[in-house]
Amino acid sequence: MSKLVSTVFVTLDGVYQAPGGPHEDSRGGFEQGGWSFPYGDEDFGRFVTESFGRAGAFLLGRRTYDIFASYWPKKTDPADPVAAKLNALPKYVASSTLTDPAWAGTTVVGGDLAKEVTALKERTDGELQVHGSGALVRSLLDLGLVDTLHLLTFPVVLGAGRRLFTEGAVPTAFRHAGGRITAAGVSLQSYDLAGRPEYGSF
């Protein structure tokens, strides 16, 4: 059975919206897309390469899937560690509206999310990876289906945009599993799901 591993880019104020480009996601009039670009140094690239090297399949939310599907199929260099994995490995997209995905190797996952994702974990060799897909990640966390969260925090505050953790999220505890800081100041931290929070007083 594989681990479900989520990788999310966030700002210091918790925004995950449109890290990769100005046209990725402009919902709500968001005009600050592409905020992660200045921090893409060798340390960051090394982390991405290592992460994709462990992938066995990908599970994506509809919006992230559409962004990826418009870009990665055009990247055909077999030496590209991201494109090679994304184009060759199975891709699953959680959607109730997508019916005929054009990206080869894509299967639409609908219905009972908990049941479907549990089945995917059972039949995947290597990590079942979720990249971006903030709304899907929140649902998976609420269901207790995420095993590891890679939270990549960039040293920037935007003051607007969609936040990863919102009011009403299921209280969840994590155990720090490792991390490092890139030369450009991005905090790459890994957390394993540890159940519900514990409480006390000082």
N, C-alpha and C. Protein backbone atom coordinates (compact mmCIF):
# COMPACT_ATOMS: atom_id res chain seq x y z
N MET A 1 0.85 -1.20 0.00
CA MET A 1 0.00 0.00 0.00
C MET A 1 0.88 1.24 0.00
N SER A 2 0.58 2.18 -0.87
CA SER A 2 1.40 3.38 -1.00
C SER A 2 1.02 4.42 0.05
N LYS A 3 1.91 5.39 0.20
CA LYS A 3 1.62 6.56 1.02
C LYS A 3 1.03 7.64 0.13
N LEU A 4 0.08 8.38 0.67
CA LEU A 4 -0.43 9.55 -0.03
C LEU A 4 0.36 10.75 0.46
N VAL A 5 1.07 11.38 -0.46
CA VAL A 5 1.99 12.47 -0.11
C VAL A 5 1.56 13.74 -0.83
N SER A 6 1.31 14.77 -0.06
CA SER A 6 0.87 16.05 -0.61
C SER A 6 2.01 17.07 -0.55
N THR A 7 2.22 17.78 -1.65
CA THR A 7 3.21 18.86 -1.69
C THR A 7 2.49 20.15 -2.04
N VAL A 8 2.60 21.14 -1.15
CA VAL A 8 1.89 22.40 -1.36
C VAL A 8 2.85 23.56 -1.16
N PHE A 9 2.80 24.53 -2.09
CA PHE A 9 3.55 25.78 -1.96
C PHE A 9 2.66 26.78 -1.25
N VAL A 10 3.18 27.42 -0.19
CA VAL A 10 2.41 28.45 0.51
C VAL A 10 3.29 29.65 0.82
N THR A 11 2.65 30.80 0.96
CA THR A 11 3.33 32.01 1.41
C THR A 11 3.35 32.01 2.94
N LEU A 12 4.03 32.98 3.51
CA LEU A 12 4.06 33.10 4.96
C LEU A 12 2.67 33.34 5.54
N ASP A 13 1.77 33.94 4.76
CA ASP A 13 0.41 34.14 5.24
C ASP A 13 -0.55 33.07 4.72
N GLY A 14 0.00 31.93 4.29
CA GLY A 14 -0.81 30.76 4.01
C GLY A 14 -1.47 30.68 2.65
N VAL A 15 -1.12 31.58 1.72
CA VAL A 15 -1.74 31.57 0.39
C VAL A 15 -1.09 30.50 -0.48
N TYR A 16 -1.92 29.70 -1.15
CA TYR A 16 -1.40 28.70 -2.08
C TYR A 16 -1.80 28.99 -3.53
N GLN A 17 -2.55 30.02 -3.75
CA GLN A 17 -3.12 30.30 -5.07
C GLN A 17 -2.06 30.75 -6.08
N ALA A 18 -2.04 30.10 -7.23
CA ALA A 18 -1.25 30.50 -8.41
C ALA A 18 0.23 30.76 -8.12
N PRO A 19 0.95 29.79 -7.56
CA PRO A 19 2.37 30.02 -7.31
C PRO A 19 3.23 30.08 -8.56
N GLY A 20 2.78 29.39 -9.64
CA GLY A 20 3.66 29.19 -10.78
C GLY A 20 3.56 30.18 -11.91
N GLY A 21 2.56 31.04 -11.91
CA GLY A 21 2.44 31.98 -13.02
C GLY A 21 1.25 32.90 -12.87
N PRO A 22 1.28 34.05 -13.53
CA PRO A 22 0.22 35.05 -13.37
C PRO A 22 -1.14 34.63 -13.91
N HIS A 23 -1.17 33.61 -14.77
CA HIS A 23 -2.44 33.20 -15.37
C HIS A 23 -2.94 31.86 -14.85
N GLU A 24 -2.27 31.30 -13.85
CA GLU A 24 -2.67 29.99 -13.33
C GLU A 24 -4.07 29.99 -12.73
N ASP A 25 -4.32 30.97 -11.87
CA ASP A 25 -5.58 30.98 -11.12
C ASP A 25 -5.87 32.40 -10.66
N SER A 26 -6.76 33.07 -11.36
CA SER A 26 -7.07 34.47 -11.03
C SER A 26 -8.41 34.61 -10.32
N ARG A 27 -8.91 33.50 -9.76
CA ARG A 27 -10.19 33.59 -9.04
C ARG A 27 -10.16 34.69 -7.99
N GLY A 28 -11.31 35.35 -7.83
CA GLY A 28 -11.40 36.41 -6.83
C GLY A 28 -10.61 37.66 -7.20
N GLY A 29 -10.23 37.78 -8.47
CA GLY A 29 -9.45 38.94 -8.89
C GLY A 29 -8.00 38.88 -8.46
N PHE A 30 -7.50 37.68 -8.16
CA PHE A 30 -6.11 37.53 -7.70
C PHE A 30 -5.14 37.91 -8.80
N GLU A 31 -4.23 38.86 -8.50
CA GLU A 31 -3.33 39.40 -9.51
C GLU A 31 -1.86 39.19 -9.17
N GLN A 32 -1.57 38.27 -8.23
CA GLN A 32 -0.18 38.10 -7.78
C GLN A 32 0.36 36.72 -8.12
N GLY A 33 -0.19 36.09 -9.16
CA GLY A 33 0.28 34.78 -9.55
C GLY A 33 1.74 34.78 -9.98
N GLY A 34 2.42 33.68 -9.71
CA GLY A 34 3.83 33.56 -10.04
C GLY A 34 4.77 33.93 -8.92
N TRP A 35 4.25 34.01 -7.70
CA TRP A 35 5.03 34.48 -6.56
C TRP A 35 6.16 33.53 -6.14
N SER A 36 6.12 32.26 -6.57
CA SER A 36 7.20 31.34 -6.19
C SER A 36 8.41 31.45 -7.11
N PHE A 37 8.23 32.06 -8.28
CA PHE A 37 9.27 32.05 -9.32
C PHE A 37 10.64 32.57 -8.85
N PRO A 38 10.71 33.68 -8.10
CA PRO A 38 12.03 34.20 -7.74
C PRO A 38 12.85 33.27 -6.84
N TYR A 39 12.23 32.24 -6.30
CA TYR A 39 12.91 31.38 -5.32
C TYR A 39 13.32 30.02 -5.89
N GLY A 40 13.24 29.87 -7.21
CA GLY A 40 13.52 28.58 -7.84
C GLY A 40 15.00 28.34 -8.06
N ASP A 41 15.76 28.12 -6.98
CA ASP A 41 17.20 27.90 -7.10
C ASP A 41 17.54 26.41 -7.19
N GLU A 42 18.83 26.09 -7.14
CA GLU A 42 19.27 24.70 -7.27
C GLU A 42 18.77 23.84 -6.11
N ASP A 43 18.75 24.38 -4.90
CA ASP A 43 18.25 23.63 -3.75
C ASP A 43 16.79 23.23 -3.96
N PHE A 44 16.02 24.16 -4.46
CA PHE A 44 14.60 23.90 -4.70
C PHE A 44 14.44 22.85 -5.80
N GLY A 45 15.20 23.01 -6.86
CA GLY A 45 15.14 22.04 -7.95
C GLY A 45 15.52 20.64 -7.50
N ARG A 46 16.49 20.54 -6.60
CA ARG A 46 16.91 19.24 -6.08
C ARG A 46 15.77 18.58 -5.31
N PHE A 47 15.06 19.36 -4.51
CA PHE A 47 13.93 18.81 -3.76
C PHE A 47 12.85 18.30 -4.70
N VAL A 48 12.54 19.07 -5.73
CA VAL A 48 11.50 18.67 -6.69
C VAL A 48 11.90 17.37 -7.39
N THR A 49 13.15 17.29 -7.82
CA THR A 49 13.62 16.08 -8.50
C THR A 49 13.53 14.87 -7.58
N GLU A 50 13.94 15.02 -6.33
CA GLU A 50 13.86 13.92 -5.37
C GLU A 50 12.42 13.49 -5.17
N SER A 51 11.53 14.46 -5.04
CA SER A 51 10.13 14.16 -4.79
C SER A 51 9.51 13.38 -5.94
N PHE A 52 9.68 13.87 -7.16
CA PHE A 52 9.09 13.19 -8.31
C PHE A 52 9.72 11.81 -8.54
N GLY A 53 10.94 11.64 -8.08
CA GLY A 53 11.58 10.35 -8.22
C GLY A 53 10.92 9.25 -7.40
N ARG A 54 10.14 9.63 -6.40
CA ARG A 54 9.45 8.65 -5.54
C ARG A 54 8.01 8.40 -5.99
N ALA A 55 7.56 9.08 -7.03
CA ALA A 55 6.15 8.99 -7.44
C ALA A 55 5.82 7.66 -8.09
N GLY A 56 4.61 7.18 -7.78
CA GLY A 56 4.07 6.00 -8.45
C GLY A 56 2.82 6.33 -9.23
N ALA A 57 2.15 7.40 -8.83
CA ALA A 57 0.94 7.88 -9.49
C ALA A 57 0.62 9.26 -8.93
N PHE A 58 -0.27 9.98 -9.62
CA PHE A 58 -0.62 11.33 -9.20
C PHE A 58 -2.13 11.47 -9.04
N LEU A 59 -2.52 12.16 -8.00
CA LEU A 59 -3.92 12.49 -7.74
C LEU A 59 -4.01 14.01 -7.69
N LEU A 60 -4.85 14.58 -8.55
CA LEU A 60 -4.92 16.03 -8.67
C LEU A 60 -6.35 16.53 -8.59
N GLY A 61 -6.50 17.74 -8.07
CA GLY A 61 -7.78 18.42 -8.14
C GLY A 61 -8.01 18.91 -9.56
N ARG A 62 -9.26 19.23 -9.88
CA ARG A 62 -9.59 19.60 -11.26
C ARG A 62 -8.82 20.82 -11.75
N ARG A 63 -8.71 21.85 -10.95
CA ARG A 63 -8.04 23.07 -11.40
C ARG A 63 -6.55 22.82 -11.64
N THR A 64 -5.90 22.15 -10.71
CA THR A 64 -4.47 21.84 -10.89
C THR A 64 -4.28 20.92 -12.08
N TYR A 65 -5.18 19.96 -12.24
CA TYR A 65 -5.09 19.06 -13.39
C TYR A 65 -5.14 19.85 -14.71
N ASP A 66 -6.06 20.79 -14.81
CA ASP A 66 -6.19 21.58 -16.03
C ASP A 66 -4.92 22.39 -16.30
N ILE A 67 -4.33 22.94 -15.24
CA ILE A 67 -3.09 23.71 -15.38
C ILE A 67 -1.96 22.79 -15.88
N PHE A 68 -1.83 21.63 -15.24
CA PHE A 68 -0.78 20.68 -15.62
C PHE A 68 -0.99 20.17 -17.05
N ALA A 69 -2.25 19.83 -17.37
CA ALA A 69 -2.55 19.22 -18.67
C ALA A 69 -2.33 20.19 -19.83
N SER A 70 -2.36 21.48 -19.54
CA SER A 70 -2.13 22.47 -20.60
C SER A 70 -0.64 22.70 -20.85
N TYR A 71 0.21 22.15 -19.98
CA TYR A 71 1.64 22.43 -20.07
C TYR A 71 2.51 21.19 -20.24
N TRP A 72 2.36 20.23 -19.33
CA TRP A 72 3.32 19.13 -19.27
C TRP A 72 3.29 18.17 -20.45
N PRO A 73 2.17 17.88 -21.08
CA PRO A 73 2.22 16.97 -22.24
C PRO A 73 3.09 17.50 -23.37
N LYS A 74 3.33 18.81 -23.41
CA LYS A 74 4.17 19.42 -24.44
C LYS A 74 5.66 19.26 -24.15
N LYS A 75 5.98 18.86 -22.92
CA LYS A 75 7.38 18.69 -22.52
C LYS A 75 7.75 17.22 -22.70
N THR A 76 8.51 16.94 -23.74
CA THR A 76 8.76 15.54 -24.11
C THR A 76 10.20 15.09 -23.89
N ASP A 77 11.01 15.92 -23.25
CA ASP A 77 12.39 15.54 -22.98
C ASP A 77 12.40 14.42 -21.93
N PRO A 78 12.88 13.22 -22.28
CA PRO A 78 12.87 12.12 -21.31
C PRO A 78 13.79 12.36 -20.13
N ALA A 79 14.68 13.33 -20.24
CA ALA A 79 15.59 13.63 -19.13
C ALA A 79 14.98 14.61 -18.13
N ASP A 80 13.83 15.18 -18.47
CA ASP A 80 13.16 16.10 -17.55
C ASP A 80 12.51 15.28 -16.44
N PRO A 81 12.97 15.41 -15.19
CA PRO A 81 12.50 14.53 -14.12
C PRO A 81 11.03 14.72 -13.77
N VAL A 82 10.49 15.89 -14.04
CA VAL A 82 9.08 16.15 -13.75
C VAL A 82 8.20 15.70 -14.91
N ALA A 83 8.51 16.16 -16.11
CA ALA A 83 7.71 15.81 -17.28
C ALA A 83 7.68 14.31 -17.52
N ALA A 84 8.83 13.66 -17.36
CA ALA A 84 8.91 12.22 -17.62
C ALA A 84 7.96 11.45 -16.72
N LYS A 85 7.90 11.82 -15.46
CA LYS A 85 7.02 11.14 -14.51
C LYS A 85 5.55 11.49 -14.76
N LEU A 86 5.27 12.76 -14.95
CA LEU A 86 3.88 13.18 -15.14
C LEU A 86 3.27 12.59 -16.41
N ASN A 87 4.05 12.48 -17.44
CA ASN A 87 3.51 11.97 -18.70
C ASN A 87 3.44 10.45 -18.75
N ALA A 88 4.27 9.77 -17.97
CA ALA A 88 4.32 8.31 -18.04
C ALA A 88 3.46 7.61 -17.00
N LEU A 89 3.33 8.20 -15.82
CA LEU A 89 2.65 7.52 -14.72
C LEU A 89 1.14 7.77 -14.74
N PRO A 90 0.37 6.89 -14.07
CA PRO A 90 -1.08 7.10 -13.99
C PRO A 90 -1.42 8.41 -13.29
N LYS A 91 -2.43 9.08 -13.82
CA LYS A 91 -2.92 10.32 -13.23
C LYS A 91 -4.40 10.16 -12.93
N TYR A 92 -4.79 10.59 -11.75
CA TYR A 92 -6.19 10.52 -11.33
C TYR A 92 -6.62 11.94 -10.99
N VAL A 93 -7.78 12.33 -11.48
CA VAL A 93 -8.27 13.67 -11.22
C VAL A 93 -9.62 13.57 -10.52
N ALA A 94 -9.72 14.22 -9.37
CA ALA A 94 -10.97 14.22 -8.61
C ALA A 94 -11.88 15.27 -9.18
N SER A 95 -12.96 14.83 -9.84
CA SER A 95 -13.85 15.79 -10.49
C SER A 95 -15.22 15.16 -10.71
N SER A 96 -16.23 15.99 -10.58
CA SER A 96 -17.59 15.55 -10.88
C SER A 96 -18.06 16.08 -12.24
N THR A 97 -17.19 16.84 -12.92
CA THR A 97 -17.60 17.45 -14.19
C THR A 97 -16.74 17.01 -15.37
N LEU A 98 -15.50 16.61 -15.13
CA LEU A 98 -14.62 16.18 -16.22
C LEU A 98 -15.05 14.79 -16.68
N THR A 99 -15.29 14.63 -17.97
CA THR A 99 -15.76 13.35 -18.48
C THR A 99 -14.83 12.72 -19.51
N ASP A 100 -14.07 13.53 -20.22
CA ASP A 100 -13.24 12.99 -21.30
C ASP A 100 -11.85 13.64 -21.26
N PRO A 101 -11.02 13.26 -20.30
CA PRO A 101 -9.70 13.90 -20.18
C PRO A 101 -8.82 13.58 -21.38
N ALA A 102 -8.14 14.59 -21.90
CA ALA A 102 -7.32 14.43 -23.11
C ALA A 102 -5.90 13.97 -22.79
N TRP A 103 -5.42 14.22 -21.58
CA TRP A 103 -4.05 13.86 -21.21
C TRP A 103 -3.96 12.35 -21.04
N ALA A 104 -3.11 11.72 -21.82
CA ALA A 104 -2.97 10.26 -21.79
C ALA A 104 -2.66 9.76 -20.38
N GLY A 105 -3.29 8.66 -20.01
CA GLY A 105 -3.03 8.06 -18.71
C GLY A 105 -3.86 8.62 -17.58
N THR A 106 -4.90 9.39 -17.92
CA THR A 106 -5.72 10.04 -16.90
C THR A 106 -7.02 9.27 -16.67
N THR A 107 -7.36 9.11 -15.40
CA THR A 107 -8.62 8.49 -14.99
C THR A 107 -9.35 9.47 -14.07
N VAL A 108 -10.63 9.66 -14.30
CA VAL A 108 -11.43 10.55 -13.45
C VAL A 108 -11.91 9.77 -12.23
N VAL A 109 -11.74 10.38 -11.06
CA VAL A 109 -12.19 9.78 -9.80
C VAL A 109 -13.38 10.59 -9.31
N GLY A 110 -14.51 9.94 -9.16
CA GLY A 110 -15.71 10.62 -8.67
C GLY A 110 -16.36 9.80 -7.58
N GLY A 111 -17.48 10.28 -7.11
CA GLY A 111 -18.22 9.51 -6.10
C GLY A 111 -17.61 9.63 -4.71
N ASP A 112 -17.50 8.50 -4.03
CA ASP A 112 -17.02 8.44 -2.64
C ASP A 112 -15.51 8.64 -2.61
N LEU A 113 -15.06 9.85 -2.26
CA LEU A 113 -13.64 10.18 -2.29
C LEU A 113 -12.83 9.28 -1.37
N ALA A 114 -13.32 9.04 -0.17
CA ALA A 114 -12.59 8.21 0.78
C ALA A 114 -12.38 6.80 0.23
N LYS A 115 -13.42 6.23 -0.32
CA LYS A 115 -13.35 4.87 -0.86
C LYS A 115 -12.43 4.81 -2.07
N GLU A 116 -12.57 5.78 -2.97
CA GLU A 116 -11.78 5.79 -4.20
C GLU A 116 -10.29 5.97 -3.91
N VAL A 117 -9.97 6.92 -3.02
CA VAL A 117 -8.57 7.20 -2.73
C VAL A 117 -7.93 6.05 -1.95
N THR A 118 -8.67 5.46 -1.04
CA THR A 118 -8.15 4.29 -0.33
C THR A 118 -7.81 3.17 -1.30
N ALA A 119 -8.65 2.98 -2.29
CA ALA A 119 -8.40 1.95 -3.31
C ALA A 119 -7.17 2.30 -4.14
N LEU A 120 -6.99 3.58 -4.47
CA LEU A 120 -5.81 4.00 -5.22
C LEU A 120 -4.54 3.74 -4.42
N LYS A 121 -4.57 4.03 -3.14
CA LYS A 121 -3.40 3.80 -2.30
C LYS A 121 -3.05 2.31 -2.25
N GLU A 122 -4.06 1.47 -2.24
CA GLU A 122 -3.82 0.04 -2.15
C GLU A 122 -3.20 -0.54 -3.41
N ARG A 123 -3.46 0.07 -4.57
CA ARG A 123 -2.94 -0.51 -5.81
C ARG A 123 -1.80 0.28 -6.45
N THR A 124 -1.29 1.28 -5.75
CA THR A 124 -0.19 2.08 -6.29
C THR A 124 1.14 1.65 -5.69
N ASP A 125 2.13 1.46 -6.55
CA ASP A 125 3.50 1.21 -6.10
C ASP A 125 4.24 2.54 -6.15
N GLY A 126 4.91 2.89 -5.07
CA GLY A 126 5.50 4.22 -4.98
C GLY A 126 4.48 5.16 -4.37
N GLU A 127 4.86 6.42 -4.24
CA GLU A 127 3.97 7.38 -3.61
C GLU A 127 2.81 7.78 -4.51
N LEU A 128 1.64 7.90 -3.93
CA LEU A 128 0.50 8.53 -4.60
C LEU A 128 0.60 10.01 -4.25
N GLN A 129 1.00 10.82 -5.21
CA GLN A 129 1.34 12.21 -4.93
C GLN A 129 0.25 13.18 -5.35
N VAL A 130 0.02 14.15 -4.48
CA VAL A 130 -0.89 15.26 -4.76
C VAL A 130 -0.04 16.53 -4.81
N HIS A 131 -0.07 17.23 -5.92
CA HIS A 131 0.66 18.49 -6.04
C HIS A 131 -0.35 19.62 -6.16
N GLY A 132 -0.10 20.70 -5.38
CA GLY A 132 -1.05 21.80 -5.37
C GLY A 132 -2.40 21.32 -4.90
N SER A 133 -3.45 21.63 -5.67
CA SER A 133 -4.79 21.06 -5.39
C SER A 133 -5.25 21.35 -3.97
N GLY A 134 -5.17 22.60 -3.57
CA GLY A 134 -5.46 22.97 -2.18
C GLY A 134 -6.79 22.49 -1.64
N ALA A 135 -7.87 22.66 -2.40
CA ALA A 135 -9.18 22.24 -1.91
C ALA A 135 -9.24 20.73 -1.74
N LEU A 136 -8.65 19.99 -2.67
CA LEU A 136 -8.61 18.54 -2.56
C LEU A 136 -7.78 18.12 -1.35
N VAL A 137 -6.65 18.77 -1.13
CA VAL A 137 -5.80 18.44 0.01
C VAL A 137 -6.56 18.64 1.31
N ARG A 138 -7.31 19.73 1.42
CA ARG A 138 -8.09 19.94 2.65
C ARG A 138 -9.09 18.82 2.86
N SER A 139 -9.75 18.39 1.79
CA SER A 139 -10.72 17.29 1.91
C SER A 139 -10.02 16.00 2.33
N LEU A 140 -8.87 15.72 1.75
CA LEU A 140 -8.13 14.50 2.08
C LEU A 140 -7.63 14.54 3.52
N LEU A 141 -7.21 15.71 3.97
CA LEU A 141 -6.78 15.85 5.37
C LEU A 141 -7.96 15.63 6.32
N ASP A 142 -9.09 16.20 5.98
CA ASP A 142 -10.29 16.04 6.82
C ASP A 142 -10.69 14.58 6.92
N LEU A 143 -10.42 13.81 5.86
CA LEU A 143 -10.75 12.39 5.84
C LEU A 143 -9.65 11.52 6.45
N GLY A 144 -8.54 12.14 6.83
CA GLY A 144 -7.44 11.39 7.41
C GLY A 144 -6.69 10.54 6.41
N LEU A 145 -6.70 10.93 5.13
CA LEU A 145 -6.10 10.10 4.09
C LEU A 145 -4.69 10.52 3.69
N VAL A 146 -4.24 11.69 4.13
CA VAL A 146 -2.90 12.15 3.82
C VAL A 146 -1.92 11.52 4.80
N ASP A 147 -0.87 10.92 4.30
CA ASP A 147 0.15 10.33 5.17
C ASP A 147 1.25 11.34 5.47
N THR A 148 1.70 12.06 4.44
CA THR A 148 2.78 13.03 4.60
C THR A 148 2.44 14.31 3.86
N LEU A 149 2.70 15.43 4.51
CA LEU A 149 2.50 16.75 3.91
C LEU A 149 3.85 17.44 3.79
N HIS A 150 4.26 17.72 2.55
CA HIS A 150 5.43 18.56 2.30
C HIS A 150 4.92 19.99 2.18
N LEU A 151 5.22 20.80 3.17
CA LEU A 151 4.77 22.19 3.16
C LEU A 151 5.97 23.07 2.81
N LEU A 152 5.91 23.68 1.64
CA LEU A 152 7.00 24.51 1.15
C LEU A 152 6.60 25.96 1.34
N THR A 153 7.22 26.61 2.34
CA THR A 153 6.83 27.96 2.72
C THR A 153 7.82 28.97 2.15
N PHE A 154 7.30 29.89 1.36
CA PHE A 154 8.12 30.88 0.68
C PHE A 154 8.15 32.18 1.48
N PRO A 155 9.29 32.86 1.52
CA PRO A 155 9.42 34.07 2.34
C PRO A 155 8.78 35.30 1.71
N VAL A 156 7.45 35.25 1.59
CA VAL A 156 6.72 36.36 1.00
C VAL A 156 5.32 36.40 1.60
N VAL A 157 4.80 37.58 1.82
CA VAL A 157 3.43 37.78 2.29
C VAL A 157 2.67 38.51 1.18
N LEU A 158 1.50 37.98 0.82
CA LEU A 158 0.72 38.57 -0.27
C LEU A 158 -0.48 39.38 0.21
N GLY A 159 -1.04 39.00 1.36
CA GLY A 159 -2.17 39.74 1.90
C GLY A 159 -3.50 39.46 1.23
N ALA A 160 -3.49 38.59 0.22
CA ALA A 160 -4.73 38.23 -0.49
C ALA A 160 -4.51 36.89 -1.16
N GLY A 161 -5.60 36.21 -1.46
CA GLY A 161 -5.51 34.93 -2.15
C GLY A 161 -6.09 33.80 -1.32
N ARG A 162 -6.24 32.67 -1.93
CA ARG A 162 -6.84 31.51 -1.27
C ARG A 162 -5.83 30.86 -0.33
N ARG A 163 -6.30 30.62 0.91
CA ARG A 163 -5.44 30.03 1.93
C ARG A 163 -5.61 28.52 1.96
N LEU A 164 -4.52 27.83 2.32
CA LEU A 164 -4.57 26.38 2.41
C LEU A 164 -5.46 25.94 3.56
N PHE A 165 -5.23 26.48 4.73
CA PHE A 165 -6.03 26.11 5.90
C PHE A 165 -7.01 27.23 6.21
N THR A 166 -8.29 26.88 6.20
CA THR A 166 -9.34 27.88 6.39
C THR A 166 -10.15 27.57 7.64
N GLU A 167 -10.96 28.52 8.03
CA GLU A 167 -11.87 28.33 9.17
C GLU A 167 -12.74 27.10 8.94
N GLY A 168 -12.83 26.25 9.95
CA GLY A 168 -13.65 25.06 9.85
C GLY A 168 -12.89 23.80 9.49
N ALA A 169 -11.58 23.90 9.27
CA ALA A 169 -10.78 22.71 8.97
C ALA A 169 -10.83 21.76 10.17
N VAL A 170 -10.78 20.47 9.90
CA VAL A 170 -10.77 19.47 10.96
C VAL A 170 -9.46 19.60 11.75
N PRO A 171 -9.51 19.75 13.07
CA PRO A 171 -8.27 19.83 13.86
C PRO A 171 -7.39 18.60 13.62
N THR A 172 -6.14 18.85 13.27
CA THR A 172 -5.24 17.77 12.87
C THR A 172 -3.85 18.03 13.43
N ALA A 173 -3.24 17.01 13.98
CA ALA A 173 -1.87 17.11 14.49
C ALA A 173 -0.91 16.45 13.49
N PHE A 174 0.30 16.97 13.45
CA PHE A 174 1.33 16.42 12.58
C PHE A 174 2.61 16.17 13.37
N ARG A 175 3.43 15.28 12.85
CA ARG A 175 4.74 15.00 13.44
C ARG A 175 5.80 15.41 12.43
N HIS A 176 6.74 16.26 12.86
CA HIS A 176 7.76 16.73 11.95
C HIS A 176 8.65 15.57 11.52
N ALA A 177 8.82 15.40 10.20
CA ALA A 177 9.56 14.26 9.68
C ALA A 177 10.87 14.65 9.01
N GLY A 178 11.16 15.93 8.99
CA GLY A 178 12.42 16.39 8.39
C GLY A 178 12.23 17.65 7.60
N GLY A 179 13.35 18.29 7.27
CA GLY A 179 13.24 19.50 6.48
C GLY A 179 14.56 20.21 6.32
N ARG A 180 14.54 21.23 5.49
CA ARG A 180 15.72 22.05 5.25
C ARG A 180 15.28 23.38 4.68
N ILE A 181 16.24 24.30 4.61
CA ILE A 181 15.98 25.64 4.06
C ILE A 181 16.84 25.82 2.83
N THR A 182 16.24 26.28 1.73
CA THR A 182 17.02 26.51 0.51
C THR A 182 17.84 27.78 0.65
N ALA A 183 18.81 27.94 -0.24
CA ALA A 183 19.64 29.14 -0.22
C ALA A 183 18.81 30.40 -0.42
N ALA A 184 17.70 30.26 -1.15
CA ALA A 184 16.83 31.42 -1.39
C ALA A 184 15.84 31.66 -0.25
N GLY A 185 15.86 30.79 0.76
CA GLY A 185 15.03 31.02 1.94
C GLY A 185 13.71 30.30 1.97
N VAL A 186 13.50 29.32 1.09
CA VAL A 186 12.26 28.55 1.12
C VAL A 186 12.40 27.44 2.17
N SER A 187 11.43 27.35 3.05
CA SER A 187 11.43 26.32 4.09
C SER A 187 10.73 25.07 3.56
N LEU A 188 11.49 23.98 3.40
CA LEU A 188 10.96 22.72 2.89
C LEU A 188 10.80 21.78 4.08
N GLN A 189 9.57 21.65 4.57
CA GLN A 189 9.32 20.86 5.77
C GLN A 189 8.35 19.73 5.48
N SER A 190 8.64 18.58 6.05
CA SER A 190 7.79 17.40 5.87
C SER A 190 7.14 17.02 7.18
N TYR A 191 5.84 16.73 7.13
CA TYR A 191 5.08 16.38 8.32
C TYR A 191 4.27 15.11 8.06
N ASP A 192 4.31 14.20 8.99
CA ASP A 192 3.47 13.01 8.92
C ASP A 192 2.20 13.24 9.74
N LEU A 193 1.10 12.76 9.23
CA LEU A 193 -0.17 12.89 9.96
C LEU A 193 -0.08 12.15 11.29
N ALA A 194 -0.53 12.79 12.36
CA ALA A 194 -0.41 12.19 13.70
C ALA A 194 -1.74 12.19 14.45
N GLY A 195 -2.85 12.20 13.74
CA GLY A 195 -4.14 12.12 14.41
C GLY A 195 -4.68 13.47 14.82
N ARG A 196 -5.36 13.50 15.94
CA ARG A 196 -5.97 14.75 16.43
C ARG A 196 -5.04 15.45 17.42
N PRO A 197 -5.17 16.76 17.55
CA PRO A 197 -4.31 17.49 18.49
C PRO A 197 -4.56 17.06 19.94
N GLU A 198 -3.54 17.22 20.74
CA GLU A 198 -3.66 17.04 22.18
C GLU A 198 -3.60 18.42 22.83
N TYR A 199 -4.22 18.56 23.98
CA TYR A 199 -4.33 19.87 24.62
C TYR A 199 -3.89 19.80 26.08
N GLY A 200 -3.46 20.93 26.60
CA GLY A 200 -3.05 21.02 27.99
C GLY A 200 -2.92 22.47 28.38
N SER A 201 -2.22 22.74 29.45
CA SER A 201 -2.00 24.12 29.88
C SER A 201 -0.64 24.23 30.54
N PHE A 202 -0.12 25.45 30.53
CA PHE A 202 1.17 25.73 31.16
C PHE A 202 0.93 26.50 32.46
